[in-house]
Each structure stands twice: as C-alpha cells, then as structure tokens.
Amino acid sequence: MLNEILIVLLMLGTLTAFAPPVRMMESDERRIFPASYLLAQSEAIASSLPRDFASAQGVIHFNENGNVRKAGTLHFSNGRKIVIELGGGRLVLR
C-alpha cells in the first residue's frame, strides 16, 4: 500500500516538474479602456450634461448627446491602437 502511494507521488512530482509555469496576465489598458469610455459616454447621455473622460491616453470630452468633440487615435504601449471616430464617438480597435 505504501509503495503504491509513493509511486503515485513520484509520478505526480515528475509531471509537475515538466508542467509550464503559470503566468500572470499583465494589465492591458487597451482591454479596459473601451468599457470605461462607454461608461463615461453613457453618463453624458443619461445626464444630458457635458462630461470629460480622463485616461492615461489623455482627456476626451463628450457633449450632452454623448458625441466626442475631437476624434483621434490612441496609441497603447503594446503597439495596438484605438481610433475614436468623430460624432458618435465609435471606437475602432486596431
């Protein structure tokens, strides 16, 4: 009985030694940005008041209808881009 338990533990130890290490996901602002952006835009529409949305990429201004005042391209550290289109403020991920 003890021999069988030791053999099982040896096999588990061997398999664990060859398993790849677990990697923690890095915080990627490009994945978080759209949700925060849409929340700020929705708050501007719901309150019918202009609203500013500040992020690490800069400040984006929404009018009372949720339209952006200035279109542009945001560049992220991982080389990806998000394009904010003029008017309705639609986001295009690139």
N, C-alpha and C. Protein backbone atom coordinates (compact mmCIF):
# COMPACT_ATOMS: atom_id res chain seq x y z
N MET A 1 0.83 -1.20 0.00
CA MET A 1 0.00 0.00 0.00
C MET A 1 0.86 1.25 0.00
N LEU A 2 1.88 1.29 0.87
CA LEU A 2 2.77 2.44 0.95
C LEU A 2 3.58 2.58 -0.33
N ASN A 3 3.97 1.48 -0.93
CA ASN A 3 4.72 1.52 -2.19
C ASN A 3 3.89 2.15 -3.30
N GLU A 4 2.62 1.83 -3.36
CA GLU A 4 1.73 2.36 -4.39
C GLU A 4 1.55 3.87 -4.23
N ILE A 5 1.43 4.32 -2.99
CA ILE A 5 1.28 5.76 -2.73
C ILE A 5 2.55 6.50 -3.15
N LEU A 6 3.70 5.93 -2.83
CA LEU A 6 4.97 6.55 -3.20
C LEU A 6 5.15 6.61 -4.72
N ILE A 7 4.71 5.58 -5.42
CA ILE A 7 4.80 5.58 -6.88
C ILE A 7 3.90 6.66 -7.47
N VAL A 8 2.70 6.80 -6.93
CA VAL A 8 1.77 7.84 -7.41
C VAL A 8 2.35 9.22 -7.14
N LEU A 9 2.91 9.45 -5.96
CA LEU A 9 3.51 10.73 -5.64
C LEU A 9 4.71 11.02 -6.55
N LEU A 10 5.50 10.02 -6.84
CA LEU A 10 6.63 10.18 -7.75
C LEU A 10 6.16 10.58 -9.15
N MET A 11 5.10 9.94 -9.63
CA MET A 11 4.57 10.27 -10.96
C MET A 11 4.00 11.69 -10.98
N LEU A 12 3.27 12.08 -9.93
CA LEU A 12 2.73 13.44 -9.87
C LEU A 12 3.85 14.47 -9.81
N GLY A 13 4.88 14.19 -9.04
CA GLY A 13 6.02 15.10 -8.96
C GLY A 13 6.72 15.26 -10.29
N THR A 14 6.88 14.15 -11.02
CA THR A 14 7.52 14.19 -12.32
C THR A 14 6.69 14.99 -13.32
N LEU A 15 5.39 14.78 -13.33
CA LEU A 15 4.51 15.53 -14.24
C LEU A 15 4.51 17.02 -13.90
N THR A 16 4.53 17.33 -12.62
CA THR A 16 4.54 18.72 -12.19
C THR A 16 5.84 19.41 -12.60
N ALA A 17 6.93 18.70 -12.56
CA ALA A 17 8.22 19.27 -12.93
C ALA A 17 8.25 19.68 -14.40
N PHE A 18 7.53 18.96 -15.25
CA PHE A 18 7.52 19.27 -16.68
C PHE A 18 6.39 20.22 -17.09
N ALA A 19 5.52 20.57 -16.18
CA ALA A 19 4.40 21.47 -16.49
C ALA A 19 4.93 22.90 -16.66
N PRO A 20 4.38 23.63 -17.62
CA PRO A 20 4.85 25.02 -17.80
C PRO A 20 4.42 25.88 -16.61
N PRO A 21 5.22 26.89 -16.28
CA PRO A 21 4.88 27.76 -15.16
C PRO A 21 3.63 28.60 -15.47
N VAL A 22 2.91 28.95 -14.46
CA VAL A 22 1.71 29.77 -14.62
C VAL A 22 2.15 31.22 -14.76
N ARG A 23 1.61 31.89 -15.76
CA ARG A 23 1.94 33.29 -15.98
C ARG A 23 0.76 34.15 -15.59
N MET A 24 1.05 35.22 -14.90
CA MET A 24 0.01 36.18 -14.53
C MET A 24 -0.24 37.09 -15.74
N MET A 25 -1.51 37.40 -15.97
CA MET A 25 -1.84 38.31 -17.07
C MET A 25 -1.45 39.72 -16.69
N GLU A 26 -0.81 40.40 -17.60
CA GLU A 26 -0.45 41.79 -17.36
C GLU A 26 -1.67 42.66 -17.60
N SER A 27 -1.71 43.76 -16.88
CA SER A 27 -2.80 44.70 -17.06
C SER A 27 -2.67 45.34 -18.44
N ASP A 28 -3.68 45.22 -19.23
CA ASP A 28 -3.66 45.76 -20.58
C ASP A 28 -4.73 46.83 -20.67
N GLU A 29 -4.30 48.09 -20.65
CA GLU A 29 -5.26 49.18 -20.65
C GLU A 29 -6.13 49.17 -21.91
N ARG A 30 -5.60 48.64 -23.01
CA ARG A 30 -6.38 48.61 -24.24
C ARG A 30 -7.63 47.75 -24.09
N ARG A 31 -7.59 46.77 -23.21
CA ARG A 31 -8.77 45.92 -22.98
C ARG A 31 -9.76 46.59 -22.01
N ILE A 32 -9.26 47.40 -21.12
CA ILE A 32 -10.09 48.05 -20.11
C ILE A 32 -10.68 49.36 -20.63
N PHE A 33 -9.95 50.05 -21.50
CA PHE A 33 -10.34 51.37 -21.98
C PHE A 33 -11.75 51.43 -22.58
N PRO A 34 -12.15 50.51 -23.49
CA PRO A 34 -13.49 50.65 -24.10
C PRO A 34 -14.64 50.65 -23.09
N ALA A 35 -14.56 49.82 -22.06
CA ALA A 35 -15.65 49.78 -21.08
C ALA A 35 -15.74 51.09 -20.31
N SER A 36 -14.60 51.64 -19.91
CA SER A 36 -14.59 52.91 -19.18
C SER A 36 -15.06 54.06 -20.07
N TYR A 37 -14.63 54.02 -21.32
CA TYR A 37 -15.02 55.04 -22.29
C TYR A 37 -16.54 55.04 -22.50
N LEU A 38 -17.10 53.85 -22.72
CA LEU A 38 -18.55 53.75 -22.96
C LEU A 38 -19.36 54.12 -21.72
N LEU A 39 -18.82 53.85 -20.53
CA LEU A 39 -19.49 54.26 -19.30
C LEU A 39 -19.56 55.77 -19.22
N ALA A 40 -18.46 56.45 -19.49
CA ALA A 40 -18.45 57.92 -19.45
C ALA A 40 -19.39 58.51 -20.50
N GLN A 41 -19.39 57.90 -21.69
CA GLN A 41 -20.28 58.38 -22.76
C GLN A 41 -21.74 58.18 -22.37
N SER A 42 -22.07 57.05 -21.77
CA SER A 42 -23.44 56.77 -21.34
C SER A 42 -23.88 57.72 -20.25
N GLU A 43 -22.97 58.06 -19.34
CA GLU A 43 -23.30 59.02 -18.27
C GLU A 43 -23.58 60.40 -18.85
N ALA A 44 -22.84 60.80 -19.88
CA ALA A 44 -23.08 62.09 -20.53
C ALA A 44 -24.46 62.11 -21.18
N ILE A 45 -24.81 61.01 -21.82
CA ILE A 45 -26.13 60.93 -22.48
C ILE A 45 -27.24 60.91 -21.45
N ALA A 46 -27.08 60.13 -20.39
CA ALA A 46 -28.13 59.99 -19.38
C ALA A 46 -28.36 61.29 -18.61
N SER A 47 -27.30 62.03 -18.33
CA SER A 47 -27.44 63.26 -17.55
C SER A 47 -27.70 64.48 -18.42
N SER A 48 -27.55 64.34 -19.73
CA SER A 48 -27.68 65.46 -20.68
C SER A 48 -26.75 66.61 -20.31
N LEU A 49 -25.58 66.26 -19.82
CA LEU A 49 -24.57 67.26 -19.47
C LEU A 49 -23.25 66.86 -20.11
N PRO A 50 -22.42 67.85 -20.46
CA PRO A 50 -21.10 67.52 -20.98
C PRO A 50 -20.28 66.77 -19.93
N ARG A 51 -19.41 65.91 -20.38
CA ARG A 51 -18.60 65.11 -19.45
C ARG A 51 -17.21 64.94 -20.03
N ASP A 52 -16.21 64.95 -19.14
CA ASP A 52 -14.83 64.69 -19.53
C ASP A 52 -14.45 63.30 -19.05
N PHE A 53 -13.73 62.59 -19.89
CA PHE A 53 -13.24 61.26 -19.54
C PHE A 53 -11.72 61.31 -19.58
N ALA A 54 -11.10 61.11 -18.41
CA ALA A 54 -9.64 61.14 -18.32
C ALA A 54 -9.10 59.72 -18.27
N SER A 55 -8.08 59.47 -19.09
CA SER A 55 -7.40 58.17 -19.08
C SER A 55 -5.91 58.44 -19.20
N ALA A 56 -5.13 57.39 -19.21
CA ALA A 56 -3.69 57.53 -19.36
C ALA A 56 -3.34 58.09 -20.75
N GLN A 57 -4.27 57.97 -21.69
CA GLN A 57 -4.05 58.44 -23.05
C GLN A 57 -4.38 59.92 -23.23
N GLY A 58 -5.05 60.51 -22.26
CA GLY A 58 -5.44 61.90 -22.36
C GLY A 58 -6.89 62.09 -21.94
N VAL A 59 -7.39 63.29 -22.15
CA VAL A 59 -8.77 63.63 -21.77
C VAL A 59 -9.64 63.66 -23.02
N ILE A 60 -10.80 63.03 -22.93
CA ILE A 60 -11.77 63.01 -24.03
C ILE A 60 -13.01 63.74 -23.55
N HIS A 61 -13.50 64.68 -24.35
CA HIS A 61 -14.66 65.49 -23.98
C HIS A 61 -15.89 65.00 -24.74
N PHE A 62 -16.97 64.76 -23.98
CA PHE A 62 -18.26 64.39 -24.56
C PHE A 62 -19.21 65.56 -24.36
N ASN A 63 -20.05 65.83 -25.38
CA ASN A 63 -21.09 66.84 -25.17
C ASN A 63 -22.32 66.17 -24.55
N GLU A 64 -23.40 66.91 -24.40
CA GLU A 64 -24.58 66.37 -23.72
C GLU A 64 -25.26 65.24 -24.48
N ASN A 65 -24.96 65.09 -25.77
CA ASN A 65 -25.53 64.00 -26.57
C ASN A 65 -24.61 62.78 -26.63
N GLY A 66 -23.46 62.86 -25.96
CA GLY A 66 -22.51 61.75 -25.97
C GLY A 66 -21.56 61.76 -27.15
N ASN A 67 -21.59 62.83 -27.95
CA ASN A 67 -20.68 62.94 -29.09
C ASN A 67 -19.33 63.45 -28.62
N VAL A 68 -18.26 62.97 -29.25
CA VAL A 68 -16.93 63.45 -28.91
C VAL A 68 -16.66 64.76 -29.61
N ARG A 69 -15.85 65.60 -28.98
CA ARG A 69 -15.53 66.89 -29.59
C ARG A 69 -14.34 66.80 -30.53
N LYS A 70 -13.48 65.80 -30.31
CA LYS A 70 -12.28 65.68 -31.13
C LYS A 70 -11.99 64.20 -31.38
N ALA A 71 -11.92 63.84 -32.64
CA ALA A 71 -11.58 62.46 -32.99
C ALA A 71 -10.07 62.29 -32.89
N GLY A 72 -9.64 61.05 -32.84
CA GLY A 72 -8.20 60.82 -32.78
C GLY A 72 -7.87 59.35 -32.65
N THR A 73 -6.58 59.08 -32.65
CA THR A 73 -6.07 57.72 -32.50
C THR A 73 -5.28 57.65 -31.21
N LEU A 74 -5.58 56.65 -30.40
CA LEU A 74 -4.86 56.44 -29.15
C LEU A 74 -3.88 55.30 -29.35
N HIS A 75 -2.63 55.52 -28.98
CA HIS A 75 -1.59 54.50 -29.12
C HIS A 75 -1.29 53.91 -27.75
N PHE A 76 -1.27 52.59 -27.65
CA PHE A 76 -1.02 51.91 -26.39
C PHE A 76 0.38 51.31 -26.39
N SER A 77 0.86 50.99 -25.20
CA SER A 77 2.24 50.53 -25.04
C SER A 77 2.54 49.21 -25.75
N ASN A 78 1.52 48.40 -25.99
CA ASN A 78 1.76 47.11 -26.65
C ASN A 78 1.71 47.24 -28.18
N GLY A 79 1.70 48.47 -28.69
CA GLY A 79 1.71 48.69 -30.13
C GLY A 79 0.34 48.72 -30.77
N ARG A 80 -0.71 48.47 -30.01
CA ARG A 80 -2.07 48.48 -30.55
C ARG A 80 -2.63 49.90 -30.54
N LYS A 81 -3.70 50.11 -31.32
CA LYS A 81 -4.33 51.42 -31.43
C LYS A 81 -5.84 51.30 -31.28
N ILE A 82 -6.44 52.38 -30.80
CA ILE A 82 -7.90 52.53 -30.80
C ILE A 82 -8.19 53.86 -31.47
N VAL A 83 -9.05 53.83 -32.49
CA VAL A 83 -9.43 55.04 -33.21
C VAL A 83 -10.79 55.48 -32.69
N ILE A 84 -10.89 56.75 -32.29
CA ILE A 84 -12.16 57.33 -31.85
C ILE A 84 -12.67 58.16 -33.02
N GLU A 85 -13.83 57.77 -33.54
CA GLU A 85 -14.38 58.46 -34.70
C GLU A 85 -15.18 59.68 -34.26
N LEU A 86 -15.18 60.69 -35.11
CA LEU A 86 -15.87 61.95 -34.83
C LEU A 86 -17.38 61.74 -34.83
N GLY A 87 -18.09 62.53 -34.04
CA GLY A 87 -19.54 62.44 -33.96
C GLY A 87 -19.95 61.52 -32.83
N GLY A 88 -20.48 60.37 -33.17
CA GLY A 88 -20.97 59.43 -32.16
C GLY A 88 -19.90 58.83 -31.28
N GLY A 89 -18.63 59.00 -31.64
CA GLY A 89 -17.54 58.52 -30.80
C GLY A 89 -17.33 57.03 -30.85
N ARG A 90 -17.68 56.44 -31.98
CA ARG A 90 -17.50 54.98 -32.13
C ARG A 90 -16.02 54.62 -32.00
N LEU A 91 -15.74 53.50 -31.34
CA LEU A 91 -14.37 53.02 -31.17
C LEU A 91 -14.05 51.95 -32.20
N VAL A 92 -12.88 52.06 -32.84
CA VAL A 92 -12.42 51.05 -33.77
C VAL A 92 -11.10 50.52 -33.23
N LEU A 93 -11.06 49.23 -32.90
CA LEU A 93 -9.86 48.60 -32.35
C LEU A 93 -8.97 48.13 -33.48
N ARG A 94 -7.69 48.49 -33.42
CA ARG A 94 -6.73 48.07 -34.46
C ARG A 94 -5.51 47.50 -33.84
